[in-house]
Protein backbone atom coordinates (compact mmCIF):
# COMPACT_ATOMS: atom_id res chain seq x y z
CA MET A 1 -169.51 279.22 -58.12
CA ALA A 2 -168.08 282.72 -58.89
CA LYS A 3 -165.38 283.77 -56.55
CA LYS A 4 -166.21 286.88 -54.29
CA THR A 5 -164.99 290.02 -55.43
CA VAL A 6 -162.32 292.00 -53.37
CA GLN A 7 -162.51 295.80 -52.59
CA LEU A 8 -159.18 297.68 -52.89
CA THR A 9 -157.99 301.23 -53.11
CA PRO A 10 -156.13 302.31 -56.18
CA LYS A 11 -152.60 302.35 -53.99
CA GLY A 12 -153.43 298.94 -52.62
CA LEU A 13 -153.90 297.31 -55.92
CA GLU A 14 -150.66 298.83 -57.40
CA LYS A 15 -148.79 297.71 -54.46
CA ILE A 16 -150.27 294.08 -54.73
CA LYS A 17 -149.12 294.24 -58.28
CA GLU A 18 -145.73 295.36 -57.60
CA GLU A 19 -145.35 292.47 -55.18
CA LEU A 20 -146.47 290.16 -57.67
CA GLN A 21 -144.06 291.34 -60.17
CA PHE A 22 -141.07 291.00 -57.78
CA LEU A 23 -142.05 287.51 -56.84
CA LYS A 24 -142.53 286.40 -60.52
CA THR A 25 -139.16 287.90 -61.64
CA THR A 26 -136.41 288.82 -59.22
CA LYS A 27 -137.55 286.18 -56.46
CA ARG A 28 -137.87 283.35 -58.97
CA LYS A 29 -134.56 284.13 -60.45
CA GLU A 30 -133.12 284.16 -56.96
CA ILE A 31 -134.46 280.69 -55.87
CA THR A 32 -133.55 279.20 -59.21
CA GLU A 33 -129.87 280.35 -58.81
CA TYR A 34 -129.94 278.98 -55.19
CA MET A 35 -131.61 275.81 -56.37
CA GLY A 36 -128.71 275.53 -58.92
CA ARG A 37 -126.10 276.03 -56.35
CA ALA A 38 -127.60 273.19 -54.14
CA LEU A 39 -127.66 270.93 -57.28
CA GLU A 40 -124.17 271.52 -58.08
CA ASP A 41 -123.21 270.04 -54.38
CA GLY A 42 -124.13 266.57 -55.52
CA ASP A 43 -126.18 264.08 -53.48
CA LEU A 44 -129.66 265.47 -53.44
CA ARG A 45 -130.82 262.85 -50.88
CA GLU A 46 -128.87 264.42 -48.04
CA SER A 47 -128.92 268.08 -49.32
CA ALA A 48 -130.36 270.47 -46.89
CA ALA A 49 -129.83 273.38 -49.35
CA TYR A 50 -131.87 271.60 -51.92
CA ASP A 51 -134.64 271.05 -49.53
CA GLU A 52 -134.67 274.61 -48.45
CA ALA A 53 -134.57 275.79 -52.07
CA ARG A 54 -137.50 273.54 -52.74
CA LEU A 55 -139.45 274.89 -49.83
CA GLN A 56 -138.45 278.72 -50.78
CA GLN A 57 -139.92 277.85 -54.46
CA SER A 58 -143.00 276.30 -52.98
CA GLU A 59 -143.88 279.30 -50.69
CA ASN A 60 -142.87 281.57 -53.70
CA GLU A 61 -145.34 280.03 -56.00
CA ALA A 62 -148.15 279.85 -53.39
CA ARG A 63 -147.74 283.44 -52.62
CA ILE A 64 -147.86 284.20 -56.61
CA SER A 65 -151.07 282.18 -56.99
CA GLN A 66 -152.66 284.04 -53.87
CA LEU A 67 -151.78 287.35 -55.38
CA ASP A 68 -152.81 286.66 -58.90
CA ASP A 69 -156.10 285.53 -57.55
CA LEU A 70 -156.41 288.83 -55.50
CA VAL A 71 -155.63 290.98 -58.70
CA HIS A 72 -158.19 288.96 -60.73
CA ARG A 73 -161.03 289.46 -57.92
CA ALA A 74 -160.25 293.06 -57.45
CA VAL A 75 -162.43 295.91 -57.68
CA VAL A 76 -161.00 299.30 -57.09
CA VAL A 77 -162.88 301.83 -54.92
CA ILE A 78 -162.57 305.29 -56.34
CA PRO A 79 -164.32 307.84 -53.97
CA LYS A 80 -166.33 310.49 -55.83
CA ASP A 81 -165.45 314.03 -55.71
CA GLY A 82 -166.54 315.90 -52.52
CA GLU A 83 -167.38 312.44 -50.88
CA GLU A 84 -168.62 313.12 -47.19
CA VAL A 85 -168.71 309.63 -45.74
CA ALA A 86 -166.05 307.41 -44.64
CA MET A 87 -165.07 304.60 -47.13
CA LEU A 88 -161.92 302.94 -48.44
CA GLY A 89 -159.13 305.09 -49.13
CA ALA A 90 -160.20 307.70 -46.64
CA SER A 91 -157.85 309.46 -44.18
CA LEU A 92 -159.57 310.14 -41.02
CA THR A 93 -158.81 312.05 -38.03
CA ILE A 94 -160.71 310.44 -34.96
CA GLU A 95 -160.86 311.60 -31.41
CA ASP A 96 -161.29 308.90 -28.42
CA SER A 97 -163.13 309.59 -25.31
CA ASN A 98 -160.03 310.93 -23.62
CA GLY A 99 -159.82 313.83 -26.10
CA GLU A 100 -156.67 312.02 -28.03
CA GLN A 101 -156.78 312.72 -31.70
CA ILE A 102 -155.59 309.86 -33.91
CA GLY A 103 -155.12 309.84 -37.70
CA ILE A 104 -155.79 306.64 -39.80
CA ASN A 105 -156.35 305.54 -43.28
CA LEU A 106 -159.18 303.23 -43.95
CA VAL A 107 -158.11 300.38 -46.28
CA SER A 108 -159.11 296.76 -47.29
CA THR A 109 -157.85 293.99 -45.36
CA HIS A 110 -155.41 292.91 -47.96
CA GLU A 111 -153.54 296.17 -47.89
CA VAL A 112 -153.31 296.91 -44.24
CA GLU A 113 -149.98 298.21 -43.00
CA ILE A 114 -150.40 298.57 -39.13
CA PHE A 115 -147.22 300.61 -38.83
CA GLU A 116 -148.59 303.27 -41.21
CA ARG A 117 -151.69 303.70 -39.25
CA GLN A 118 -153.97 302.00 -41.51
CA ILE A 119 -157.15 300.21 -40.33
CA SER A 120 -158.97 297.42 -42.18
CA ASP A 121 -162.45 297.85 -43.36
CA GLU A 122 -163.25 294.61 -41.72
CA SER A 123 -161.65 295.28 -38.37
CA PRO A 124 -164.33 296.44 -35.43
CA LEU A 125 -163.17 300.01 -35.78
CA GLY A 126 -163.19 299.85 -39.43
CA LYS A 127 -166.59 298.33 -39.78
CA ALA A 128 -167.93 301.12 -37.34
CA LEU A 129 -166.50 303.92 -39.43
CA ILE A 130 -167.59 302.92 -42.87
CA ASN A 131 -170.28 304.96 -44.41
CA GLN A 132 -170.29 307.53 -41.26
CA LYS A 133 -170.16 311.44 -41.49
CA ILE A 134 -167.88 313.91 -39.91
CA GLY A 135 -169.27 314.71 -36.41
CA THR A 136 -170.48 311.04 -35.91
CA THR A 137 -169.68 309.17 -32.74
CA VAL A 138 -169.00 305.44 -33.24
CA THR A 139 -168.94 302.64 -30.56
CA VAL A 140 -166.57 299.74 -30.86
CA LYS A 141 -166.69 296.78 -28.48
CA ALA A 142 -163.07 295.83 -27.20
CA PRO A 143 -161.75 293.56 -24.76
CA ALA A 144 -161.27 296.54 -22.28
CA GLY A 145 -165.11 297.48 -22.87
CA LYS A 146 -166.74 299.86 -25.12
CA LEU A 147 -164.74 302.45 -26.90
CA GLU A 148 -166.05 305.50 -28.63
CA TYR A 149 -164.60 307.50 -31.43
CA LYS A 150 -165.75 310.75 -32.69
CA ILE A 151 -165.14 311.38 -36.51
CA LEU A 152 -163.44 315.01 -36.89
CA GLU A 153 -162.27 314.93 -40.50
CA ILE A 154 -162.57 312.82 -43.60
CA ALA A 155 -160.25 313.59 -46.51
CA TYR A 156 -159.60 311.66 -49.79
CA GLU A 157 -156.03 312.01 -51.70
């Protein structure tokens, strides 16, 4: 069975490739050096440092495998010039029911950085915003009840 493709923005794919390169080169080297120092200490049966190095190696290789898979399944979403609906890669200004304006970026789940005001396309708000136009009001179910947001602006870099 073919694996499902993953939609990413161009920036998101680049960021994933950079992390992958770091893990394959720099991080692998650091772990190898740490493991070498642990081996020099002698008896491996009682070496906490060696066990820790093996754990780090295992975690690093698992992450490399995960990112490799993601890169191979990636489909880069590039908005058309003059795109008028919200899609991956959009910077949006939305307004909540209290009149507060919020700036967000719509990205895929695999590239979300919460502290950079990024919203996943798979989140309730992201799902509501996808394919909507300026002026549209979307409703999102939340634990506090239904929240409404009006799209004021959509832009692409």
